[in-house]
Every structure is written in C-alpha cells, then in structure tokens.
Amino acid sequence: TTIACDHHLHTPMYFFLLNLALLDLGSISNTVPKSMTNSLWNIRSISYTGCAAQVFLFVFFMSAEFYLLTIMSYDRYVAVCKPLHYGTLLGSRACGHMAAAAWATGFLHAVLH
C-alpha cells in the first residue's frame, strides 16, 4: 500500500517489489486456509477439483515469482553495471511489460501443468 500511495517510491525496484509482494500474498493465501481448515476439523481429504485448483494456483504463483525474481536481478544488474542507461532501459512502460510478461508466463506455465 505504501509503494502504491507514495510517489517517491515509484521506481522500478519498488514496482517489482510490489509485484513480488502480491505474488507472495497469493501463494500463501492459496495453501494456508485449506491447511488450517484440515487441521482444525481433523480432515485429511480434499476434492479432486479443489486439489487441481490449488496445484494450478500454487504453480502459477511460484513460477511467476521465479520469473519476477529474474527480472528483478536484471533491474539490479542494469542499476549497477549500466547506470547511465538505467532510465532508458527500465522506464515505466518497460517495467510494466516485464511484470506483465512474468505474470503471463507464470499463467502459461501453470496451464501446461
């Protein structure tokens, strides 16, 4: 919320951190509620549809996070090794495209599984 509201934090690094936080929130929200329900009610079963949905979402969030971490490493590489080209290589449009590519690639990877 702070990154979205504060205009001083609208840099590529914080934009990618916001996306990473959303992916982490999604991945933990995917597995923990069912685990807590099973623990509290002493149930050890899950429906086939529920299992398929949980596996799909888990693979989606984890693979999208992997691709986003790769993009974040590229961001730091450009910031350290090519500081004069940082603004042109990682503008707001390029960052948006890279983040969308990470989310879309994670979705395609999950669909394949």
PDB file of N, CA and C in Angstrom:
ATOM      1  N   THR A   1       0.826  -1.187   0.000  1.00  0.00           N
ATOM      2  CA  THR A   1       0.000   0.000   0.000  1.00  0.00           C
ATOM      3  C   THR A   1       0.871   1.251   0.000  1.00  0.00           C
ATOM      4  N   THR A   2       1.961   1.205   0.765  1.00  0.00           N
ATOM      5  CA  THR A   2       2.857   2.354   0.828  1.00  0.00           C
ATOM      6  C   THR A   2       3.493   2.633  -0.522  1.00  0.00           C
ATOM      7  N   ILE A   3       3.905   1.566  -1.214  1.00  0.00           N
ATOM      8  CA  ILE A   3       4.542   1.743  -2.522  1.00  0.00           C
ATOM      9  C   ILE A   3       3.548   2.323  -3.525  1.00  0.00           C
ATOM     10  N   ALA A   4       2.313   1.884  -3.469  1.00  0.00           N
ATOM     11  CA  ALA A   4       1.307   2.375  -4.407  1.00  0.00           C
ATOM     12  C   ALA A   4       0.926   3.830  -4.131  1.00  0.00           C
ATOM     13  N   CYS A   5       0.935   4.236  -2.861  1.00  0.00           N
ATOM     14  CA  CYS A   5       0.475   5.582  -2.495  1.00  0.00           C
ATOM     15  C   CYS A   5       1.569   6.644  -2.549  1.00  0.00           C
ATOM     16  N   ASP A   6       2.791   6.306  -2.204  1.00  0.00           N
ATOM     17  CA  ASP A   6       3.872   7.285  -2.136  1.00  0.00           C
ATOM     18  C   ASP A   6       4.530   7.437  -3.504  1.00  0.00           C
ATOM     19  N   HIS A   7       4.504   8.632  -4.057  1.00  0.00           N
ATOM     20  CA  HIS A   7       5.046   8.865  -5.395  1.00  0.00           C
ATOM     21  C   HIS A   7       6.568   8.835  -5.423  1.00  0.00           C
ATOM     22  N   HIS A   8       7.223   8.979  -4.290  1.00  0.00           N
ATOM     23  CA  HIS A   8       8.677   8.882  -4.248  1.00  0.00           C
ATOM     24  C   HIS A   8       9.152   7.445  -4.443  1.00  0.00           C
ATOM     25  N   LEU A   9       8.263   6.501  -4.228  1.00  0.00           N
ATOM     26  CA  LEU A   9       8.628   5.086  -4.359  1.00  0.00           C
ATOM     27  C   LEU A   9       8.208   4.507  -5.712  1.00  0.00           C
ATOM     28  N   HIS A  10       7.889   5.343  -6.665  1.00  0.00           N
ATOM     29  CA  HIS A  10       7.521   4.862  -7.992  1.00  0.00           C
ATOM     30  C   HIS A  10       8.774   4.704  -8.854  1.00  0.00           C
ATOM     31  N   THR A  11       9.630   3.808  -8.429  1.00  0.00           N
ATOM     32  CA  THR A  11      10.832   3.451  -9.173  1.00  0.00           C
ATOM     33  C   THR A  11      10.709   1.986  -9.571  1.00  0.00           C
ATOM     34  N   PRO A  12      11.502   1.539 -10.539  1.00  0.00           N
ATOM     35  CA  PRO A  12      11.387   0.143 -10.972  1.00  0.00           C
ATOM     36  C   PRO A  12      11.576  -0.869  -9.841  1.00  0.00           C
ATOM     37  N   MET A  13      12.537  -0.630  -8.969  1.00  0.00           N
ATOM     38  CA  MET A  13      12.794  -1.585  -7.887  1.00  0.00           C
ATOM     39  C   MET A  13      11.559  -1.748  -7.002  1.00  0.00           C
ATOM     40  N   TYR A  14      10.918  -0.666  -6.624  1.00  0.00           N
ATOM     41  CA  TYR A  14       9.744  -0.748  -5.764  1.00  0.00           C
ATOM     42  C   TYR A  14       8.524  -1.280  -6.511  1.00  0.00           C
ATOM     43  N   PHE A  15       8.448  -1.001  -7.805  1.00  0.00           N
ATOM     44  CA  PHE A  15       7.374  -1.564  -8.610  1.00  0.00           C
ATOM     45  C   PHE A  15       7.467  -3.092  -8.631  1.00  0.00           C
ATOM     46  N   PHE A  16       8.674  -3.597  -8.813  1.00  0.00           N
ATOM     47  CA  PHE A  16       8.860  -5.047  -8.809  1.00  0.00           C
ATOM     48  C   PHE A  16       8.665  -5.633  -7.414  1.00  0.00           C
ATOM     49  N   LEU A  17       9.042  -4.902  -6.378  1.00  0.00           N
ATOM     50  CA  LEU A  17       8.787  -5.373  -5.018  1.00  0.00           C
ATOM     51  C   LEU A  17       7.289  -5.445  -4.729  1.00  0.00           C
ATOM     52  N   LEU A  18       6.526  -4.512  -5.263  1.00  0.00           N
ATOM     53  CA  LEU A  18       5.071  -4.555  -5.109  1.00  0.00           C
ATOM     54  C   LEU A  18       4.500  -5.800  -5.783  1.00  0.00           C
ATOM     55  N   ASN A  19       4.968  -6.096  -6.979  1.00  0.00           N
ATOM     56  CA  ASN A  19       4.512  -7.305  -7.671  1.00  0.00           C
ATOM     57  C   ASN A  19       4.931  -8.559  -6.928  1.00  0.00           C
ATOM     58  N   LEU A  20       6.127  -8.562  -6.373  1.00  0.00           N
ATOM     59  CA  LEU A  20       6.603  -9.710  -5.602  1.00  0.00           C
ATOM     60  C   LEU A  20       5.759  -9.912  -4.348  1.00  0.00           C
ATOM     61  N   ALA A  21       5.392  -8.820  -3.695  1.00  0.00           N
ATOM     62  CA  ALA A  21       4.541  -8.919  -2.505  1.00  0.00           C
ATOM     63  C   ALA A  21       3.166  -9.476  -2.859  1.00  0.00           C
ATOM     64  N   LEU A  22       2.615  -9.065  -3.998  1.00  0.00           N
ATOM     65  CA  LEU A  22       1.319  -9.591  -4.420  1.00  0.00           C
ATOM     66  C   LEU A  22       1.403 -11.082  -4.734  1.00  0.00           C
ATOM     67  N   LEU A  23       2.487 -11.503  -5.365  1.00  0.00           N
ATOM     68  CA  LEU A  23       2.660 -12.925  -5.658  1.00  0.00           C
ATOM     69  C   LEU A  23       2.830 -13.731  -4.375  1.00  0.00           C
ATOM     70  N   ASP A  24       3.592 -13.204  -3.428  1.00  0.00           N
ATOM     71  CA  ASP A  24       3.756 -13.898  -2.147  1.00  0.00           C
ATOM     72  C   ASP A  24       2.444 -13.987  -1.394  1.00  0.00           C
ATOM     73  N   LEU A  25       1.676 -12.927  -1.428  1.00  0.00           N
ATOM     74  CA  LEU A  25       0.365 -12.926  -0.775  1.00  0.00           C
ATOM     75  C   LEU A  25      -0.564 -13.957  -1.410  1.00  0.00           C
ATOM     76  N   GLY A  26      -0.524 -14.044  -2.722  1.00  0.00           N
ATOM     77  CA  GLY A  26      -1.343 -15.032  -3.409  1.00  0.00           C
ATOM     78  C   GLY A  26      -0.928 -16.456  -3.105  1.00  0.00           C
ATOM     79  N   SER A  27       0.378 -16.704  -3.050  1.00  0.00           N
ATOM     80  CA  SER A  27       0.836 -18.074  -2.807  1.00  0.00           C
ATOM     81  C   SER A  27       0.522 -18.529  -1.386  1.00  0.00           C
ATOM     82  N   ILE A  28       0.651 -17.651  -0.428  1.00  0.00           N
ATOM     83  CA  ILE A  28       0.354 -18.049   0.951  1.00  0.00           C
ATOM     84  C   ILE A  28      -1.151 -18.145   1.164  1.00  0.00           C
ATOM     85  N   SER A  29      -1.929 -17.312   0.474  1.00  0.00           N
ATOM     86  CA  SER A  29      -3.383 -17.380   0.588  1.00  0.00           C
ATOM     87  C   SER A  29      -3.958 -18.601  -0.113  1.00  0.00           C
ATOM     88  N   ASN A  30      -3.170 -19.212  -0.931  1.00  0.00           N
ATOM     89  CA  ASN A  30      -3.614 -20.395  -1.656  1.00  0.00           C
ATOM     90  C   ASN A  30      -3.540 -21.655  -0.796  1.00  0.00           C
ATOM     91  N   THR A  31      -2.510 -21.806  -0.011  1.00  0.00           N
ATOM     92  CA  THR A  31      -2.284 -23.062   0.713  1.00  0.00           C
ATOM     93  C   THR A  31      -2.715 -23.030   2.174  1.00  0.00           C
ATOM     94  N   VAL A  32      -2.550 -21.918   2.842  1.00  0.00           N
ATOM     95  CA  VAL A  32      -2.779 -21.869   4.283  1.00  0.00           C
ATOM     96  C   VAL A  32      -4.245 -22.068   4.692  1.00  0.00           C
ATOM     97  N   PRO A  33      -5.232 -21.455   4.034  1.00  0.00           N
ATOM     98  CA  PRO A  33      -6.612 -21.647   4.506  1.00  0.00           C
ATOM     99  C   PRO A  33      -7.071 -23.107   4.509  1.00  0.00           C
ATOM    100  N   LYS A  34      -6.770 -23.847   3.456  1.00  0.00           N
ATOM    101  CA  LYS A  34      -7.172 -25.252   3.413  1.00  0.00           C
ATOM    102  C   LYS A  34      -6.410 -26.060   4.457  1.00  0.00           C
ATOM    103  N   SER A  35      -5.156 -25.747   4.652  1.00  0.00           N
ATOM    104  CA  SER A  35      -4.359 -26.428   5.670  1.00  0.00           C
ATOM    105  C   SER A  35      -4.909 -26.165   7.068  1.00  0.00           C
ATOM    106  N   MET A  36      -5.299 -24.922   7.334  1.00  0.00           N
ATOM    107  CA  MET A  36      -5.871 -24.599   8.640  1.00  0.00           C
ATOM    108  C   MET A  36      -7.213 -25.281   8.841  1.00  0.00           C
ATOM    109  N   THR A  37      -8.028 -25.318   7.790  1.00  0.00           N
ATOM    110  CA  THR A  37      -9.327 -25.987   7.879  1.00  0.00           C
ATOM    111  C   THR A  37      -9.146 -27.467   8.179  1.00  0.00           C
ATOM    112  N   ASN A  38      -8.231 -28.100   7.468  1.00  0.00           N
ATOM    113  CA  ASN A  38      -7.966 -29.520   7.706  1.00  0.00           C
ATOM    114  C   ASN A  38      -7.440 -29.767   9.110  1.00  0.00           C
ATOM    115  N   SER A  39      -6.619 -28.878   9.610  1.00  0.00           N
ATOM    116  CA  SER A  39      -6.058 -29.040  10.947  1.00  0.00           C
ATOM    117  C   SER A  39      -7.112 -28.840  12.035  1.00  0.00           C
ATOM    118  N   LEU A  40      -7.955 -27.834  11.875  1.00  0.00           N
ATOM    119  CA  LEU A  40      -8.958 -27.540  12.900  1.00  0.00           C
ATOM    120  C   LEU A  40     -10.076 -28.576  12.948  1.00  0.00           C
ATOM    121  N   TRP A  41     -10.486 -29.090  11.801  1.00  0.00           N
ATOM    122  CA  TRP A  41     -11.591 -30.038  11.758  1.00  0.00           C
ATOM    123  C   TRP A  41     -11.128 -31.483  11.658  1.00  0.00           C
ATOM    124  N   ASN A  42      -9.822 -31.696  11.703  1.00  0.00           N
ATOM    125  CA  ASN A  42      -9.225 -33.029  11.654  1.00  0.00           C
ATOM    126  C   ASN A  42      -9.688 -33.797  10.405  1.00  0.00           C
ATOM    127  N   ILE A  43      -9.609 -33.129   9.272  1.00  0.00           N
ATOM    128  CA  ILE A  43      -9.974 -33.715   7.981  1.00  0.00           C
ATOM    129  C   ILE A  43      -8.692 -33.917   7.181  1.00  0.00           C
ATOM    130  N   ARG A  44      -8.593 -35.014   6.477  1.00  0.00           N
ATOM    131  CA  ARG A  44      -7.397 -35.281   5.688  1.00  0.00           C
ATOM    132  C   ARG A  44      -7.695 -35.428   4.198  1.00  0.00           C
ATOM    133  N   SER A  45      -8.868 -35.042   3.763  1.00  0.00           N
ATOM    134  CA  SER A  45      -9.222 -35.216   2.359  1.00  0.00           C
ATOM    135  C   SER A  45      -9.457 -33.867   1.685  1.00  0.00           C
ATOM    136  N   ILE A  46      -9.339 -33.885   0.370  1.00  0.00           N
ATOM    137  CA  ILE A  46      -9.611 -32.715  -0.450  1.00  0.00           C
ATOM    138  C   ILE A  46     -10.248 -33.217  -1.743  1.00  0.00           C
ATOM    139  N   SER A  47     -11.168 -32.465  -2.277  1.00  0.00           N
ATOM    140  CA  SER A  47     -11.814 -32.894  -3.517  1.00  0.00           C
ATOM    141  C   SER A  47     -10.823 -32.809  -4.670  1.00  0.00           C
ATOM    142  N   TYR A  48     -11.134 -33.525  -5.736  1.00  0.00           N
ATOM    143  CA  TYR A  48     -10.256 -33.517  -6.905  1.00  0.00           C
ATOM    144  C   TYR A  48     -10.192 -32.122  -7.519  1.00  0.00           C
ATOM    145  N   THR A  49     -11.339 -31.460  -7.609  1.00  0.00           N
ATOM    146  CA  THR A  49     -11.382 -30.106  -8.171  1.00  0.00           C
ATOM    147  C   THR A  49     -10.617 -29.125  -7.289  1.00  0.00           C
ATOM    148  N   GLY A  50     -10.789 -29.253  -5.977  1.00  0.00           N
ATOM    149  CA  GLY A  50     -10.056 -28.388  -5.056  1.00  0.00           C
ATOM    150  C   GLY A  50      -8.560 -28.606  -5.135  1.00  0.00           C
ATOM    151  N   CYS A  51      -8.165 -29.847  -5.266  1.00  0.00           N
ATOM    152  CA  CYS A  51      -6.737 -30.163  -5.390  1.00  0.00           C
ATOM    153  C   CYS A  51      -6.166 -29.608  -6.685  1.00  0.00           C
ATOM    154  N   ALA A  52      -6.904 -29.792  -7.792  1.00  0.00           N
ATOM    155  CA  ALA A  52      -6.437 -29.285  -9.085  1.00  0.00           C
ATOM    156  C   ALA A  52      -6.327 -27.763  -9.065  1.00  0.00           C
ATOM    157  N   ALA A  53      -7.299 -27.101  -8.457  1.00  0.00           N
ATOM    158  CA  ALA A  53      -7.259 -25.640  -8.372  1.00  0.00           C
ATOM    159  C   ALA A  53      -6.093 -25.173  -7.507  1.00  0.00           C
ATOM    160  N   GLN A  54      -5.864 -25.874  -6.407  1.00  0.00           N
ATOM    161  CA  GLN A  54      -4.776 -25.486  -5.516  1.00  0.00           C
ATOM    162  C   GLN A  54      -3.419 -25.710  -6.178  1.00  0.00           C
ATOM    163  N   VAL A  55      -3.255 -26.800  -6.887  1.00  0.00           N
ATOM    164  CA  VAL A  55      -1.993 -27.056  -7.590  1.00  0.00           C
ATOM    165  C   VAL A  55      -1.785 -26.038  -8.696  1.00  0.00           C
ATOM    166  N   PHE A  56      -2.848 -25.731  -9.458  1.00  0.00           N
ATOM    167  CA  PHE A  56      -2.745 -24.735 -10.526  1.00  0.00           C
ATOM    168  C   PHE A  56      -2.310 -23.388  -9.962  1.00  0.00           C
ATOM    169  N   LEU A  57      -2.982 -22.926  -8.921  1.00  0.00           N
ATOM    170  CA  LEU A  57      -2.652 -21.620  -8.352  1.00  0.00           C
ATOM    171  C   LEU A  57      -1.258 -21.601  -7.738  1.00  0.00           C
ATOM    172  N   PHE A  58      -0.872 -22.692  -7.090  1.00  0.00           N
ATOM    173  CA  PHE A  58       0.457 -22.738  -6.489  1.00  0.00           C
ATOM    174  C   PHE A  58       1.538 -22.684  -7.563  1.00  0.00           C
ATOM    175  N   VAL A  59       1.377 -23.458  -8.625  1.00  0.00           N
ATOM    176  CA  VAL A  59       2.354 -23.433  -9.719  1.00  0.00           C
ATOM    177  C   VAL A  59       2.369 -22.064 -10.383  1.00  0.00           C
ATOM    178  N   PHE A  60       1.196 -21.457 -10.557  1.00  0.00           N
ATOM    179  CA  PHE A  60       1.117 -20.129 -11.149  1.00  0.00           C
ATOM    180  C   PHE A  60       1.889 -19.105 -10.325  1.00  0.00           C
ATOM    181  N   PHE A  61       1.605 -19.041  -9.030  1.00  0.00           N
ATOM    182  CA  PHE A  61       2.265 -18.041  -8.194  1.00  0.00           C
ATOM    183  C   PHE A  61       3.761 -18.291  -8.058  1.00  0.00           C
ATOM    184  N   MET A  62       4.172 -19.539  -7.916  1.00  0.00           N
ATOM    185  CA  MET A  62       5.596 -19.825  -7.747  1.00  0.00           C
ATOM    186  C   MET A  62       6.386 -19.581  -9.026  1.00  0.00           C
ATOM    187  N   SER A  63       5.841 -19.971 -10.174  1.00  0.00           N
ATOM    188  CA  SER A  63       6.576 -19.745 -11.417  1.00  0.00           C
ATOM    189  C   SER A  63       6.596 -18.257 -11.769  1.00  0.00           C
ATOM    190  N   ALA A  64       5.507 -17.545 -11.541  1.00  0.00           N
ATOM    191  CA  ALA A  64       5.505 -16.101 -11.783  1.00  0.00           C
ATOM    192  C   ALA A  64       6.502 -15.410 -10.857  1.00  0.00           C
ATOM    193  N   GLU A  65       6.607 -15.892  -9.620  1.00  0.00           N
ATOM    194  CA  GLU A  65       7.586 -15.321  -8.692  1.00  0.00           C
ATOM    195  C   GLU A  65       9.008 -15.583  -9.167  1.00  0.00           C
ATOM    196  N   PHE A  66       9.251 -16.769  -9.688  1.00  0.00           N
ATOM    197  CA  PHE A  66      10.578 -17.085 -10.219  1.00  0.00           C
ATOM    198  C   PHE A  66      10.935 -16.140 -11.369  1.00  0.00           C
ATOM    199  N   TYR A  67      10.013 -15.930 -12.298  1.00  0.00           N
ATOM    200  CA  TYR A  67      10.282 -15.046 -13.421  1.00  0.00           C
ATOM    201  C   TYR A  67      10.428 -13.601 -12.963  1.00  0.00           C
ATOM    202  N   LEU A  68       9.660 -13.201 -11.977  1.00  0.00           N
ATOM    203  CA  LEU A  68       9.781 -11.837 -11.459  1.00  0.00           C
ATOM    204  C   LEU A  68      11.115 -11.633 -10.746  1.00  0.00           C
ATOM    205  N   LEU A  69      11.580 -12.630 -10.016  1.00  0.00           N
ATOM    206  CA  LEU A  69      12.896 -12.518  -9.377  1.00  0.00           C
ATOM    207  C   LEU A  69      14.005 -12.424 -10.419  1.00  0.00           C
ATOM    208  N   THR A  70      13.841 -13.100 -11.541  1.00  0.00           N
ATOM    209  CA  THR A  70      14.806 -12.985 -12.631  1.00  0.00           C
ATOM    210  C   THR A  70      14.819 -11.574 -13.191  1.00  0.00           C
ATOM    211  N   ILE A  71      13.642 -10.993 -13.364  1.00  0.00           N
ATOM    212  CA  ILE A  71      13.547  -9.614 -13.843  1.00  0.00           C
ATOM    213  C   ILE A  71      14.149  -8.647 -12.828  1.00  0.00           C
ATOM    214  N   MET A  72      13.921  -8.905 -11.545  1.00  0.00           N
ATOM    215  CA  MET A  72      14.484  -8.042 -10.506  1.00  0.00           C
ATOM    216  C   MET A  72      16.004  -8.107 -10.500  1.00  0.00           C
ATOM    217  N   SER A  73      16.571  -9.271 -10.783  1.00  0.00           N
ATOM    218  CA  SER A  73      18.024  -9.368 -10.854  1.00  0.00           C
ATOM    219  C   SER A  73      18.551  -8.588 -12.055  1.00  0.00           C
ATOM    220  N   TYR A  74      17.813  -8.587 -13.160  1.00  0.00           N
ATOM    221  CA  TYR A  74      18.194  -7.779 -14.318  1.00  0.00           C
ATOM    222  C   TYR A  74      18.127  -6.293 -13.968  1.00  0.00           C
ATOM    223  N   ASP A  75      17.121  -5.887 -13.216  1.00  0.00           N
ATOM    224  CA  ASP A  75      16.994  -4.498 -12.775  1.00  0.00           C
ATOM    225  C   ASP A  75      18.215  -4.069 -11.970  1.00  0.00           C
ATOM    226  N   ARG A  76      18.634  -4.893 -11.052  1.00  0.00           N
ATOM    227  CA  ARG A  76      19.814  -4.545 -10.242  1.00  0.00           C
ATOM    228  C   ARG A  76      21.090  -4.568 -11.078  1.00  0.00           C
ATOM    229  N   TYR A  77      21.174  -5.484 -12.048  1.00  0.00           N
ATOM    230  CA  TYR A  77      22.336  -5.532 -12.929  1.00  0.00           C
ATOM    231  C   TYR A  77      22.457  -4.227 -13.714  1.00  0.00           C
ATOM    232  N   VAL A  78      21.349  -3.771 -14.280  1.00  0.00           N
ATOM    233  CA  VAL A  78      21.375  -2.526 -15.048  1.00  0.00           C
ATOM    234  C   VAL A  78      21.698  -1.348 -14.136  1.00  0.00           C
ATOM    235  N   ALA A  79      21.167  -1.342 -12.921  1.00  0.00           N
ATOM    236  CA  ALA A  79      21.425  -0.235 -11.993  1.00  0.00           C
ATOM    237  C   ALA A  79      22.895  -0.160 -11.604  1.00  0.00           C
ATOM    238  N   VAL A  80      23.559  -1.306 -11.483  1.00  0.00           N
ATOM    239  CA  VAL A  80      24.959  -1.322 -11.054  1.00  0.00           C
ATOM    240  C   VAL A  80      25.912  -1.191 -12.234  1.00  0.00           C
ATOM    241  N   CYS A  81      25.673  -1.955 -13.288  1.00  0.00           N
ATOM    242  CA  CYS A  81      26.635  -2.023 -14.384  1.00  0.00           C
ATOM    243  C   CYS A  81      26.407  -1.000 -15.490  1.00  0.00           C
ATOM    244  N   LYS A  82      25.198  -0.529 -15.653  1.00  0.00           N
ATOM    245  CA  LYS A  82      24.891   0.444 -16.710  1.00  0.00           C
ATOM    246  C   LYS A  82      24.035   1.580 -16.148  1.00  0.00           C
ATOM    247  N   PRO A  83      24.558   2.329 -15.182  1.00  0.00           N
ATOM    248  CA  PRO A  83      23.720   3.348 -14.532  1.00  0.00           C
ATOM    249  C   PRO A  83      23.281   4.484 -15.455  1.00  0.00           C
ATOM    250  N   LEU A  84      24.063   4.780 -16.478  1.00  0.00           N
ATOM    251  CA  LEU A  84      23.677   5.864 -17.381  1.00  0.00           C
ATOM    252  C   LEU A  84      22.540   5.461 -18.313  1.00  0.00           C
ATOM    253  N   HIS A  85      22.371   4.176 -18.539  1.00  0.00           N
ATOM    254  CA  HIS A  85      21.310   3.694 -19.413  1.00  0.00           C
ATOM    255  C   HIS A  85      20.089   3.218 -18.630  1.00  0.00           C
ATOM    256  N   TYR A  86      20.120   3.371 -17.311  1.00  0.00           N
ATOM    257  CA  TYR A  86      19.056   2.826 -16.467  1.00  0.00           C
ATOM    258  C   TYR A  86      17.692   3.402 -16.821  1.00  0.00           C
ATOM    259  N   GLY A  87      17.611   4.683 -17.009  1.00  0.00           N
ATOM    260  CA  GLY A  87      16.336   5.326 -17.309  1.00  0.00           C
ATOM    261  C   GLY A  87      15.756   4.917 -18.648  1.00  0.00           C
ATOM    262  N   THR A  88      16.623   4.666 -19.619  1.00  0.00           N
ATOM    263  CA  THR A  88      16.121   4.279 -20.941  1.00  0.00           C
ATOM    264  C   THR A  88      15.793   2.793 -21.015  1.00  0.00           C
ATOM    265  N   LEU A  89      16.566   1.970 -20.329  1.00  0.00           N
ATOM    266  CA  LEU A  89      16.322   0.525 -20.369  1.00  0.00           C
ATOM    267  C   LEU A  89      15.147   0.111 -19.489  1.00  0.00           C
ATOM    268  N   LEU A  90      14.979   0.782 -18.365  1.00  0.00           N
ATOM    269  CA  LEU A  90      13.933   0.389 -17.423  1.00  0.00           C
ATOM    270  C   LEU A  90      12.983   1.555 -17.130  1.00  0.00           C
ATOM    271  N   GLY A  91      12.329   2.019 -18.155  1.00  0.00           N
ATOM    272  CA  GLY A  91      11.296   3.036 -17.987  1.00  0.00           C
ATOM    273  C   GLY A  91      10.027   2.402 -17.436  1.00  0.00           C
ATOM    274  N   SER A  92       9.044   3.227 -17.160  1.00  0.00           N
ATOM    275  CA  SER A  92       7.805   2.701 -16.572  1.00  0.00           C
ATOM    276  C   SER A  92       7.082   1.757 -17.526  1.00  0.00           C
ATOM    277  N   ARG A  93       7.144   2.047 -18.800  1.00  0.00           N
ATOM    278  CA  ARG A  93       6.497   1.181 -19.789  1.00  0.00           C
ATOM    279  C   ARG A  93       7.201  -0.174 -19.877  1.00  0.00           C
ATOM    280  N   ALA A  94       8.522  -0.159 -19.899  1.00  0.00           N
ATOM    281  CA  ALA A  94       9.290  -1.407 -19.966  1.00  0.00           C
ATOM    282  C   ALA A  94       9.071  -2.243 -18.712  1.00  0.00           C
ATOM    283  N   CYS A  95       9.026  -1.592 -17.561  1.00  0.00           N
ATOM    284  CA  CYS A  95       8.787  -2.320 -16.307  1.00  0.00           C
ATOM    285  C   CYS A  95       7.402  -2.951 -16.304  1.00  0.00           C
ATOM    286  N   GLY A  96       6.412  -2.230 -16.787  1.00  0.00           N
ATOM    287  CA  GLY A  96       5.066  -2.777 -16.873  1.00  0.00           C
ATOM    288  C   GLY A  96       4.998  -3.981 -17.795  1.00  0.00           C
ATOM    289  N   HIS A  97       5.681  -3.874 -18.925  1.00  0.00           N
ATOM    290  CA  HIS A  97       5.708  -5.002 -19.856  1.00  0.00           C
ATOM    291  C   HIS A  97       6.417  -6.212 -19.263  1.00  0.00           C
ATOM    292  N   MET A  98       7.515  -5.977 -18.567  1.00  0.00           N
ATOM    293  CA  MET A  98       8.249  -7.094 -17.972  1.00  0.00           C
ATOM    294  C   MET A  98       7.442  -7.759 -16.860  1.00  0.00           C
ATOM    295  N   ALA A  99       6.773  -6.967 -16.042  1.00  0.00           N
ATOM    296  CA  ALA A  99       5.954  -7.540 -14.976  1.00  0.00           C
ATOM    297  C   ALA A  99       4.766  -8.310 -15.564  1.00  0.00           C
ATOM    298  N   ALA A 100       4.149  -7.755 -16.591  1.00  0.00           N
ATOM    299  CA  ALA A 100       3.039  -8.463 -17.248  1.00  0.00           C
ATOM    300  C   ALA A 100       3.525  -9.753 -17.885  1.00  0.00           C
ATOM    301  N   ALA A 101       4.724  -9.737 -18.439  1.00  0.00           N
ATOM    302  CA  ALA A 101       5.295 -10.948 -19.026  1.00  0.00           C
ATOM    303  C   ALA A 101       5.549 -12.002 -17.956  1.00  0.00           C
ATOM    304  N   ALA A 102       5.992 -11.584 -16.782  1.00  0.00           N
ATOM    305  CA  ALA A 102       6.228 -12.539 -15.689  1.00  0.00           C
ATOM    306  C   ALA A 102       4.917 -13.178 -15.247  1.00  0.00           C
ATOM    307  N   TRP A 103       3.868 -12.370 -15.086  1.00  0.00           N
ATOM    308  CA  TRP A 103       2.565 -12.908 -14.685  1.00  0.00           C
ATOM    309  C   TRP A 103       2.004 -13.826 -15.778  1.00  0.00           C
ATOM    310  N   ALA A 104       2.113 -13.415 -17.044  1.00  0.00           N
ATOM    311  CA  ALA A 104       1.571 -14.213 -18.147  1.00  0.00           C
ATOM    312  C   ALA A 104       2.348 -15.519 -18.323  1.00  0.00           C
ATOM    313  N   THR A 105       3.660 -15.467 -18.175  1.00  0.00           N
ATOM    314  CA  THR A 105       4.462 -16.678 -18.302  1.00  0.00           C
ATOM    315  C   THR A 105       4.166 -17.637 -17.160  1.00  0.00           C
ATOM    316  N   GLY A 106       3.958 -17.107 -15.967  1.00  0.00           N
ATOM    317  CA  GLY A 106       3.556 -17.955 -14.846  1.00  0.00           C
ATOM    318  C   GLY A 106       2.224 -18.625 -15.099  1.00  0.00           C
ATOM    319  N   PHE A 107       1.280 -17.873 -15.687  1.00  0.00           N
ATOM    320  CA  PHE A 107      -0.026 -18.452 -16.017  1.00  0.00           C
ATOM    321  C   PHE A 107       0.112 -19.553 -17.068  1.00  0.00           C
ATOM    322  N   LEU A 108       0.904 -19.291 -18.120  1.00  0.00           N
ATOM    323  CA  LEU A 108       1.102 -20.314 -19.154  1.00  0.00           C
ATOM    324  C   LEU A 108       1.802 -21.549 -18.607  1.00  0.00           C
ATOM    325  N   HIS A 109       2.755 -21.340 -17.728  1.00  0.00           N
ATOM    326  CA  HIS A 109       3.441 -22.474 -17.104  1.00  0.00           C
ATOM    327  C   HIS A 109       2.472 -23.301 -16.263  1.00  0.00           C
ATOM    328  N   ALA A 110       1.590 -22.642 -15.559  1.00  0.00           N
ATOM    329  CA  ALA A 110       0.602 -23.367 -14.741  1.00  0.00           C
ATOM    330  C   ALA A 110      -0.405 -24.102 -15.616  1.00  0.00           C
ATOM    331  N   VAL A 111      -0.796 -23.486 -16.725  1.00  0.00           N
ATOM    332  CA  VAL A 111      -1.745 -24.140 -17.633  1.00  0.00           C
ATOM    333  C   VAL A 111      -1.124 -25.400 -18.231  1.00  0.00           C
ATOM    334  N   LEU A 112       0.168 -25.350 -18.531  1.00  0.00           N
ATOM    335  CA  LEU A 112       0.830 -26.522 -19.088  1.00  0.00           C
ATOM    336  C   LEU A 112       0.830 -27.682 -18.112  1.00  0.00           C
ATOM    337  N   HIS A 113       0.940 -27.389 -16.832  1.00  0.00           N
ATOM    338  CA  HIS A 113       0.929 -28.463 -15.845  1.00  0.00           C
ATOM    339  C   HIS A 113      -0.489 -28.911 -15.559  1.00  0.00           C
TER     340      HIS A 113
END
